[in-house]
Amino acid sequence: MDSDKSTVTNVKFNDFTKIGFRIGKILSATLLSKARKPAYKLQVDFGEIGKKVSSAQLPANYEVEQVIGKSVVGIVNLPPRRIAGVKSEVLIVGFPDSQGNVFLLNTRSQETTNGSQLAECGQNIDEINYDDFQNADIRSATVLSIEPLEENEGAFHVKLDAGEYGEKLAFLDDIDKETVNTLIGSQVAVLLNLEPEDIPDQKCNAILLTFLAAQSDNTKRAVRLPLGIDGNGQVANGEKLF
């Protein structure tokens, strides 16, 4: 049964799509010696958006060699912030472990185009503020089961464990059954407070954060995969993206 979280205000889909989530690849990472909490200065390639600098508190869970070349998710349309003498242009997002240290989102070892947006977000990258991001209640969850929809080939209902937020149901399409089966037991990122009228499938109460990945077969058909979460379960279900 879902917990009562009525104090969380729902967001409209049009407002959610204003958050400039983009996938980028880390080109370099150096330790920020002046940071109060250990952090790296990252240079991240966001494709046509350009190379951006970010300060990210990653050293607790990642060595330098683990992050260089890694695909990450960043918000590219927040105002820049100066942190430990570095102008941080992008917020690299992830979920906290039990110690409050970040584990990053991942793209399930799939190659993606630098700068590509999440499938649920729009192209517009007009500047927003941090509250606009925080108003979207994005939580960690584990995939419990996936059921095909008879009336819609290639579409599925995804049952999720969102911790104290209870079990949730999300919709996933443009994906084959073989790939779907690999998702069971994995952790994903889900939006929990989208206005019900804006959810395409009215049986569902959560939105998966997904990206487009090319299949390895000759067709190179794009499939929509949920983002994964690093840490092998070290992030509890129900933690908020930050």
C-alpha atoms as a PDB file:
ATOM      1  CA  MET A   1       0.000   0.000   0.000  1.00  0.00           C
ATOM      2  CA  ASP A   2       1.285   3.455  -0.867  1.00  0.00           C
ATOM      3  CA  SER A   3       2.318   5.770   1.946  1.00  0.00           C
ATOM      4  CA  ASP A   4       0.432   9.058   2.243  1.00  0.00           C
ATOM      5  CA  LYS A   5       2.686  11.655   0.648  1.00  0.00           C
ATOM      6  CA  SER A   6      -0.013  14.283   0.084  1.00  0.00           C
ATOM      7  CA  THR A   7       2.343  17.103   1.069  1.00  0.00           C
ATOM      8  CA  VAL A   8       4.221  16.612  -2.229  1.00  0.00           C
ATOM      9  CA  THR A   9       2.794  18.899  -4.896  1.00  0.00           C
ATOM     10  CA  ASN A  10       2.175  17.358  -8.303  1.00  0.00           C
ATOM     11  CA  VAL A  11       3.981  18.768 -11.329  1.00  0.00           C
ATOM     12  CA  LYS A  12       2.624  19.300 -14.823  1.00  0.00           C
ATOM     13  CA  PHE A  13       4.307  17.449 -17.667  1.00  0.00           C
ATOM     14  CA  ASN A  14       5.139  20.718 -19.445  1.00  0.00           C
ATOM     15  CA  ASP A  15       6.987  21.930 -16.346  1.00  0.00           C
ATOM     16  CA  PHE A  16       8.858  18.657 -15.917  1.00  0.00           C
ATOM     17  CA  THR A  17      10.096  18.737 -19.523  1.00  0.00           C
ATOM     18  CA  LYS A  18      11.745  22.122 -18.869  1.00  0.00           C
ATOM     19  CA  ILE A  19      14.413  20.368 -16.789  1.00  0.00           C
ATOM     20  CA  GLY A  20      17.390  20.054 -19.135  1.00  0.00           C
ATOM     21  CA  PHE A  21      18.465  16.477 -18.455  1.00  0.00           C
ATOM     22  CA  ARG A  22      21.219  15.507 -20.884  1.00  0.00           C
ATOM     23  CA  ILE A  23      23.634  12.591 -21.150  1.00  0.00           C
ATOM     24  CA  GLY A  24      27.316  13.460 -21.283  1.00  0.00           C
ATOM     25  CA  LYS A  25      30.671  11.715 -21.091  1.00  0.00           C
ATOM     26  CA  ILE A  26      33.306  12.655 -18.513  1.00  0.00           C
ATOM     27  CA  LEU A  27      36.537  13.654 -20.248  1.00  0.00           C
ATOM     28  CA  SER A  28      38.661  14.498 -17.199  1.00  0.00           C
ATOM     29  CA  ALA A  29      38.485  14.534 -13.398  1.00  0.00           C
ATOM     30  CA  THR A  30      40.781  16.254 -10.915  1.00  0.00           C
ATOM     31  CA  LEU A  31      40.475  16.490  -7.137  1.00  0.00           C
ATOM     32  CA  LEU A  32      39.312  19.876  -5.840  1.00  0.00           C
ATOM     33  CA  SER A  33      41.724  20.548  -2.984  1.00  0.00           C
ATOM     34  CA  LYS A  34      39.787  23.613  -1.734  1.00  0.00           C
ATOM     35  CA  ALA A  35      36.424  21.846  -1.460  1.00  0.00           C
ATOM     36  CA  ARG A  36      35.051  21.405   2.090  1.00  0.00           C
ATOM     37  CA  LYS A  37      33.750  17.948   1.128  1.00  0.00           C
ATOM     38  CA  PRO A  38      35.894  15.879  -1.279  1.00  0.00           C
ATOM     39  CA  ALA A  39      34.888  16.671  -4.849  1.00  0.00           C
ATOM     40  CA  TYR A  40      36.143  16.381  -8.401  1.00  0.00           C
ATOM     41  CA  LYS A  41      36.328  19.065 -11.022  1.00  0.00           C
ATOM     42  CA  LEU A  42      34.902  17.362 -14.087  1.00  0.00           C
ATOM     43  CA  GLN A  43      34.962  18.269 -17.744  1.00  0.00           C
ATOM     44  CA  VAL A  44      31.955  16.675 -19.440  1.00  0.00           C
ATOM     45  CA  ASP A  45      31.244  16.439 -23.165  1.00  0.00           C
ATOM     46  CA  PHE A  46      27.582  17.232 -23.885  1.00  0.00           C
ATOM     47  CA  GLY A  47      27.887  17.022 -27.654  1.00  0.00           C
ATOM     48  CA  GLU A  48      26.322  19.934 -29.522  1.00  0.00           C
ATOM     49  CA  ILE A  49      25.711  21.718 -26.203  1.00  0.00           C
ATOM     50  CA  GLY A  50      29.480  21.793 -25.692  1.00  0.00           C
ATOM     51  CA  LYS A  51      31.985  20.781 -23.033  1.00  0.00           C
ATOM     52  CA  LYS A  52      30.920  21.829 -19.551  1.00  0.00           C
ATOM     53  CA  VAL A  53      32.658  21.999 -16.163  1.00  0.00           C
ATOM     54  CA  SER A  54      31.048  20.543 -13.066  1.00  0.00           C
ATOM     55  CA  SER A  55      32.011  20.180  -9.423  1.00  0.00           C
ATOM     56  CA  ALA A  56      30.735  16.814  -8.136  1.00  0.00           C
ATOM     57  CA  GLN A  57      31.136  15.159  -4.727  1.00  0.00           C
ATOM     58  CA  LEU A  58      32.114  11.760  -6.088  1.00  0.00           C
ATOM     59  CA  PRO A  59      35.407  10.721  -4.383  1.00  0.00           C
ATOM     60  CA  ALA A  60      33.681   8.749  -1.585  1.00  0.00           C
ATOM     61  CA  ASN A  61      32.372   6.176  -4.083  1.00  0.00           C
ATOM     62  CA  TYR A  62      34.485   6.694  -7.217  1.00  0.00           C
ATOM     63  CA  GLU A  63      38.214   6.763  -7.947  1.00  0.00           C
ATOM     64  CA  VAL A  64      39.341   9.101 -10.725  1.00  0.00           C
ATOM     65  CA  GLU A  65      39.892   6.231 -13.145  1.00  0.00           C
ATOM     66  CA  GLN A  66      36.313   5.046 -12.568  1.00  0.00           C
ATOM     67  CA  VAL A  67      34.720   8.292 -13.712  1.00  0.00           C
ATOM     68  CA  ILE A  68      36.867   9.228 -16.709  1.00  0.00           C
ATOM     69  CA  GLY A  69      35.025   8.024 -19.812  1.00  0.00           C
ATOM     70  CA  LYS A  70      31.817   7.378 -17.854  1.00  0.00           C
ATOM     71  CA  SER A  71      28.441   8.455 -19.232  1.00  0.00           C
ATOM     72  CA  VAL A  72      26.504  10.536 -16.710  1.00  0.00           C
ATOM     73  CA  VAL A  73      23.278  12.529 -16.518  1.00  0.00           C
ATOM     74  CA  GLY A  74      23.504  16.267 -15.953  1.00  0.00           C
ATOM     75  CA  ILE A  75      21.107  19.200 -15.807  1.00  0.00           C
ATOM     76  CA  VAL A  76      22.503  21.717 -18.254  1.00  0.00           C
ATOM     77  CA  ASN A  77      20.132  24.677 -17.747  1.00  0.00           C
ATOM     78  CA  LEU A  78      20.633  25.601 -14.091  1.00  0.00           C
ATOM     79  CA  PRO A  79      22.456  28.861 -13.235  1.00  0.00           C
ATOM     80  CA  PRO A  80      26.221  28.319 -12.814  1.00  0.00           C
ATOM     81  CA  ARG A  81      27.554  28.128  -9.249  1.00  0.00           C
ATOM     82  CA  ARG A  82      31.049  28.863  -7.954  1.00  0.00           C
ATOM     83  CA  ILE A  83      32.267  26.000  -5.759  1.00  0.00           C
ATOM     84  CA  ALA A  84      35.758  25.906  -4.230  1.00  0.00           C
ATOM     85  CA  GLY A  85      36.955  28.405  -6.825  1.00  0.00           C
ATOM     86  CA  VAL A  86      35.432  26.489  -9.764  1.00  0.00           C
ATOM     87  CA  LYS A  87      32.573  27.749 -11.914  1.00  0.00           C
ATOM     88  CA  SER A  88      30.299  24.698 -11.975  1.00  0.00           C
ATOM     89  CA  GLU A  89      28.124  24.928 -15.098  1.00  0.00           C
ATOM     90  CA  VAL A  90      26.214  21.645 -14.848  1.00  0.00           C
ATOM     91  CA  LEU A  91      24.643  19.643 -12.015  1.00  0.00           C
ATOM     92  CA  ILE A  92      25.614  15.974 -12.290  1.00  0.00           C
ATOM     93  CA  VAL A  93      22.777  14.058 -10.627  1.00  0.00           C
ATOM     94  CA  GLY A  94      22.589  10.835  -8.624  1.00  0.00           C
ATOM     95  CA  PHE A  95      21.130   9.191  -5.520  1.00  0.00           C
ATOM     96  CA  PRO A  96      22.544   9.098  -1.966  1.00  0.00           C
ATOM     97  CA  ASP A  97      23.747   5.963  -0.229  1.00  0.00           C
ATOM     98  CA  SER A  98      23.288   5.418   3.521  1.00  0.00           C
ATOM     99  CA  GLN A  99      26.152   7.841   4.221  1.00  0.00           C
ATOM    100  CA  GLY A 100      24.744  10.556   1.959  1.00  0.00           C
ATOM    101  CA  ASN A 101      27.397   9.972  -0.708  1.00  0.00           C
ATOM    102  CA  VAL A 102      26.330   9.976  -4.332  1.00  0.00           C
ATOM    103  CA  PHE A 103      25.902   7.041  -6.685  1.00  0.00           C
ATOM    104  CA  LEU A 104      25.419   8.093 -10.290  1.00  0.00           C
ATOM    105  CA  LEU A 105      22.788   7.161 -12.833  1.00  0.00           C
ATOM    106  CA  ASN A 106      24.020   4.875 -15.604  1.00  0.00           C
ATOM    107  CA  THR A 107      23.078   4.001 -19.171  1.00  0.00           C
ATOM    108  CA  ARG A 108      23.319   0.205 -18.735  1.00  0.00           C
ATOM    109  CA  SER A 109      26.607  -0.054 -20.662  1.00  0.00           C
ATOM    110  CA  GLN A 110      24.834   1.303 -23.746  1.00  0.00           C
ATOM    111  CA  GLU A 111      26.611   3.784 -25.981  1.00  0.00           C
ATOM    112  CA  THR A 112      24.636   6.996 -26.313  1.00  0.00           C
ATOM    113  CA  THR A 113      25.091  10.242 -28.174  1.00  0.00           C
ATOM    114  CA  ASN A 114      26.716  12.912 -26.010  1.00  0.00           C
ATOM    115  CA  GLY A 115      24.177  15.647 -25.347  1.00  0.00           C
ATOM    116  CA  SER A 116      21.150  13.448 -25.977  1.00  0.00           C
ATOM    117  CA  GLN A 117      18.111  14.194 -23.854  1.00  0.00           C
ATOM    118  CA  LEU A 118      16.104  11.808 -21.746  1.00  0.00           C
ATOM    119  CA  ALA A 119      13.134  10.448 -23.669  1.00  0.00           C
ATOM    120  CA  GLU A 120      10.662  12.200 -21.333  1.00  0.00           C
ATOM    121  CA  CYS A 121      12.216  15.667 -21.662  1.00  0.00           C
ATOM    122  CA  GLY A 122      11.965  18.400 -24.263  1.00  0.00           C
ATOM    123  CA  GLN A 123      14.583  20.161 -26.378  1.00  0.00           C
ATOM    124  CA  ASN A 124      14.098  23.514 -24.657  1.00  0.00           C
ATOM    125  CA  ILE A 125      17.003  24.411 -22.360  1.00  0.00           C
ATOM    126  CA  ASP A 126      15.943  27.854 -21.154  1.00  0.00           C
ATOM    127  CA  GLU A 127      17.373  28.540 -17.705  1.00  0.00           C
ATOM    128  CA  ILE A 128      15.487  27.155 -14.713  1.00  0.00           C
ATOM    129  CA  ASN A 129      16.226  27.356 -10.983  1.00  0.00           C
ATOM    130  CA  TYR A 130      17.075  24.599  -8.521  1.00  0.00           C
ATOM    131  CA  ASP A 131      13.547  24.578  -7.086  1.00  0.00           C
ATOM    132  CA  ASP A 132      12.193  23.713 -10.549  1.00  0.00           C
ATOM    133  CA  PHE A 133      14.320  20.557 -10.422  1.00  0.00           C
ATOM    134  CA  GLN A 134      13.496  19.753  -6.796  1.00  0.00           C
ATOM    135  CA  ASN A 135       9.752  20.081  -7.449  1.00  0.00           C
ATOM    136  CA  ALA A 136      10.031  16.943  -9.587  1.00  0.00           C
ATOM    137  CA  ASP A 137       9.867  14.094  -7.053  1.00  0.00           C
ATOM    138  CA  ILE A 138      12.301  11.644  -8.677  1.00  0.00           C
ATOM    139  CA  ARG A 139      13.005   8.569  -6.548  1.00  0.00           C
ATOM    140  CA  SER A 140      14.984   5.349  -6.692  1.00  0.00           C
ATOM    141  CA  ALA A 141      13.032   2.105  -7.153  1.00  0.00           C
ATOM    142  CA  THR A 142      13.625  -1.563  -7.926  1.00  0.00           C
ATOM    143  CA  VAL A 143      11.905  -3.333 -10.827  1.00  0.00           C
ATOM    144  CA  LEU A 144       9.803  -6.160  -9.355  1.00  0.00           C
ATOM    145  CA  SER A 145       8.093  -7.530 -12.446  1.00  0.00           C
ATOM    146  CA  ILE A 146       7.199  -6.625 -16.029  1.00  0.00           C
ATOM    147  CA  GLU A 147       3.970  -7.686 -17.740  1.00  0.00           C
ATOM    148  CA  PRO A 148       3.331  -7.401 -21.501  1.00  0.00           C
ATOM    149  CA  LEU A 149       0.192  -5.587 -22.647  1.00  0.00           C
ATOM    150  CA  GLU A 150      -1.856  -7.780 -24.963  1.00  0.00           C
ATOM    151  CA  GLU A 151      -3.484  -4.818 -26.660  1.00  0.00           C
ATOM    152  CA  ASN A 152      -0.181  -3.049 -27.371  1.00  0.00           C
ATOM    153  CA  GLU A 153       2.681  -5.158 -28.762  1.00  0.00           C
ATOM    154  CA  GLY A 154       6.067  -4.086 -27.463  1.00  0.00           C
ATOM    155  CA  ALA A 155       4.537  -2.290 -24.464  1.00  0.00           C
ATOM    156  CA  PHE A 156       4.718  -3.342 -20.821  1.00  0.00           C
ATOM    157  CA  HIS A 157       3.570  -2.483 -17.330  1.00  0.00           C
ATOM    158  CA  VAL A 158       6.498  -2.266 -14.909  1.00  0.00           C
ATOM    159  CA  LYS A 159       5.842  -2.944 -11.212  1.00  0.00           C
ATOM    160  CA  LEU A 160       8.273  -1.073  -8.935  1.00  0.00           C
ATOM    161  CA  ASP A 161       9.280  -1.078  -5.264  1.00  0.00           C
ATOM    162  CA  ALA A 162       9.750   2.568  -4.251  1.00  0.00           C
ATOM    163  CA  GLY A 163      10.569   1.879  -0.600  1.00  0.00           C
ATOM    164  CA  GLU A 164       8.448   3.904   1.825  1.00  0.00           C
ATOM    165  CA  TYR A 165       6.459   5.175  -1.177  1.00  0.00           C
ATOM    166  CA  GLY A 166       5.091   1.686  -1.770  1.00  0.00           C
ATOM    167  CA  GLU A 167       4.637  -0.228  -4.995  1.00  0.00           C
ATOM    168  CA  LYS A 168       4.252   1.799  -8.177  1.00  0.00           C
ATOM    169  CA  LEU A 169       3.266   0.984 -11.738  1.00  0.00           C
ATOM    170  CA  ALA A 170       4.912   2.495 -14.819  1.00  0.00           C
ATOM    171  CA  PHE A 171       4.564   2.087 -18.591  1.00  0.00           C
ATOM    172  CA  LEU A 172       7.388   1.111 -20.952  1.00  0.00           C
ATOM    173  CA  ASP A 173       7.257   0.673 -24.719  1.00  0.00           C
ATOM    174  CA  ASP A 174       9.559   0.509 -27.768  1.00  0.00           C
ATOM    175  CA  ILE A 175      11.467  -2.385 -26.239  1.00  0.00           C
ATOM    176  CA  ASP A 176      11.671  -6.131 -26.860  1.00  0.00           C
ATOM    177  CA  LYS A 177      10.859  -8.869 -24.349  1.00  0.00           C
ATOM    178  CA  GLU A 178      14.451 -10.168 -24.203  1.00  0.00           C
ATOM    179  CA  THR A 179      15.740  -6.769 -23.144  1.00  0.00           C
ATOM    180  CA  VAL A 180      12.846  -6.291 -20.734  1.00  0.00           C
ATOM    181  CA  ASN A 181      13.759  -9.454 -18.829  1.00  0.00           C
ATOM    182  CA  THR A 182      17.222  -8.034 -18.032  1.00  0.00           C
ATOM    183  CA  LEU A 183      15.621  -5.156 -16.121  1.00  0.00           C
ATOM    184  CA  ILE A 184      13.985  -7.233 -13.379  1.00  0.00           C
ATOM    185  CA  GLY A 185      15.780  -6.719 -10.065  1.00  0.00           C
ATOM    186  CA  SER A 186      17.605  -3.604 -11.239  1.00  0.00           C
ATOM    187  CA  GLN A 187      17.243  -0.131  -9.761  1.00  0.00           C
ATOM    188  CA  VAL A 188      15.775   2.702 -11.791  1.00  0.00           C
ATOM    189  CA  ALA A 189      14.773   6.365 -11.443  1.00  0.00           C
ATOM    190  CA  VAL A 190      11.054   7.197 -11.410  1.00  0.00           C
ATOM    191  CA  LEU A 191       9.028  10.405 -11.268  1.00  0.00           C
ATOM    192  CA  LEU A 192       6.313   9.968  -8.630  1.00  0.00           C
ATOM    193  CA  ASN A 193       4.405  13.252  -8.654  1.00  0.00           C
ATOM    194  CA  LEU A 194       3.359  13.884 -12.234  1.00  0.00           C
ATOM    195  CA  GLU A 195      -0.226  15.160 -12.502  1.00  0.00           C
ATOM    196  CA  PRO A 196      -2.385  12.033 -12.991  1.00  0.00           C
ATOM    197  CA  GLU A 197      -4.101  13.595 -16.013  1.00  0.00           C
ATOM    198  CA  ASP A 198      -0.684  13.923 -17.688  1.00  0.00           C
ATOM    199  CA  ILE A 199       0.180  10.205 -17.358  1.00  0.00           C
ATOM    200  CA  PRO A 200      -0.600   8.540 -20.722  1.00  0.00           C
ATOM    201  CA  ASP A 201      -1.617   5.207 -19.189  1.00  0.00           C
ATOM    202  CA  GLN A 202      -4.193   5.903 -16.492  1.00  0.00           C
ATOM    203  CA  LYS A 203      -3.474   2.569 -14.791  1.00  0.00           C
ATOM    204  CA  CYS A 204       0.008   3.867 -13.954  1.00  0.00           C
ATOM    205  CA  ASN A 205       1.169   6.184 -11.168  1.00  0.00           C
ATOM    206  CA  ALA A 206       4.881   6.605 -11.943  1.00  0.00           C
ATOM    207  CA  ILE A 207       7.020   7.654 -14.902  1.00  0.00           C
ATOM    208  CA  LEU A 208      10.281   5.889 -15.700  1.00  0.00           C
ATOM    209  CA  LEU A 209      13.235   8.088 -16.678  1.00  0.00           C
ATOM    210  CA  THR A 210      14.424   6.551 -19.933  1.00  0.00           C
ATOM    211  CA  PHE A 211      16.911   7.127 -22.739  1.00  0.00           C
ATOM    212  CA  LEU A 212      17.169   5.917 -26.322  1.00  0.00           C
ATOM    213  CA  ALA A 213      19.723   3.197 -27.005  1.00  0.00           C
ATOM    214  CA  ALA A 214      20.482   1.491 -30.337  1.00  0.00           C
ATOM    215  CA  GLN A 215      19.984  -2.241 -30.528  1.00  0.00           C
ATOM    216  CA  SER A 216      23.015  -4.351 -31.383  1.00  0.00           C
ATOM    217  CA  ASP A 217      21.195  -6.130 -34.237  1.00  0.00           C
ATOM    218  CA  ASN A 218      21.468  -5.129 -37.897  1.00  0.00           C
ATOM    219  CA  THR A 219      18.361  -2.942 -37.734  1.00  0.00           C
ATOM    220  CA  LYS A 220      19.904  -0.606 -35.149  1.00  0.00           C
ATOM    221  CA  ARG A 221      16.354   0.034 -33.991  1.00  0.00           C
ATOM    222  CA  ALA A 222      16.275   2.490 -31.111  1.00  0.00           C
ATOM    223  CA  VAL A 223      14.839   1.113 -27.888  1.00  0.00           C
ATOM    224  CA  ARG A 224      13.800   3.029 -24.798  1.00  0.00           C
ATOM    225  CA  LEU A 225      15.662   1.831 -21.712  1.00  0.00           C
ATOM    226  CA  PRO A 226      15.222   2.999 -18.112  1.00  0.00           C
ATOM    227  CA  LEU A 227      18.273   4.651 -16.614  1.00  0.00           C
ATOM    228  CA  GLY A 228      20.048   2.430 -14.094  1.00  0.00           C
ATOM    229  CA  ILE A 229      21.674   3.333 -10.777  1.00  0.00           C
ATOM    230  CA  ASP A 230      25.262   2.546  -9.773  1.00  0.00           C
ATOM    231  CA  GLY A 231      26.041   0.903  -6.441  1.00  0.00           C
ATOM    232  CA  ASN A 232      24.532  -2.586  -6.696  1.00  0.00           C
ATOM    233  CA  GLY A 233      21.745  -1.892  -4.210  1.00  0.00           C
ATOM    234  CA  GLN A 234      23.680   0.489  -1.948  1.00  0.00           C
ATOM    235  CA  VAL A 235      21.028   3.122  -2.666  1.00  0.00           C
ATOM    236  CA  ALA A 236      17.825   2.446  -0.732  1.00  0.00           C
ATOM    237  CA  ASN A 237      14.552   2.484  -2.651  1.00  0.00           C
ATOM    238  CA  GLY A 238      12.697   5.777  -2.222  1.00  0.00           C
ATOM    239  CA  GLU A 239      15.771   8.044  -2.115  1.00  0.00           C
ATOM    240  CA  LYS A 240      15.421  11.381  -3.929  1.00  0.00           C
ATOM    241  CA  LEU A 241      17.535  12.391  -6.918  1.00  0.00           C
ATOM    242  CA  PHE A 242      19.902  15.249  -6.111  1.00  0.00           C
END
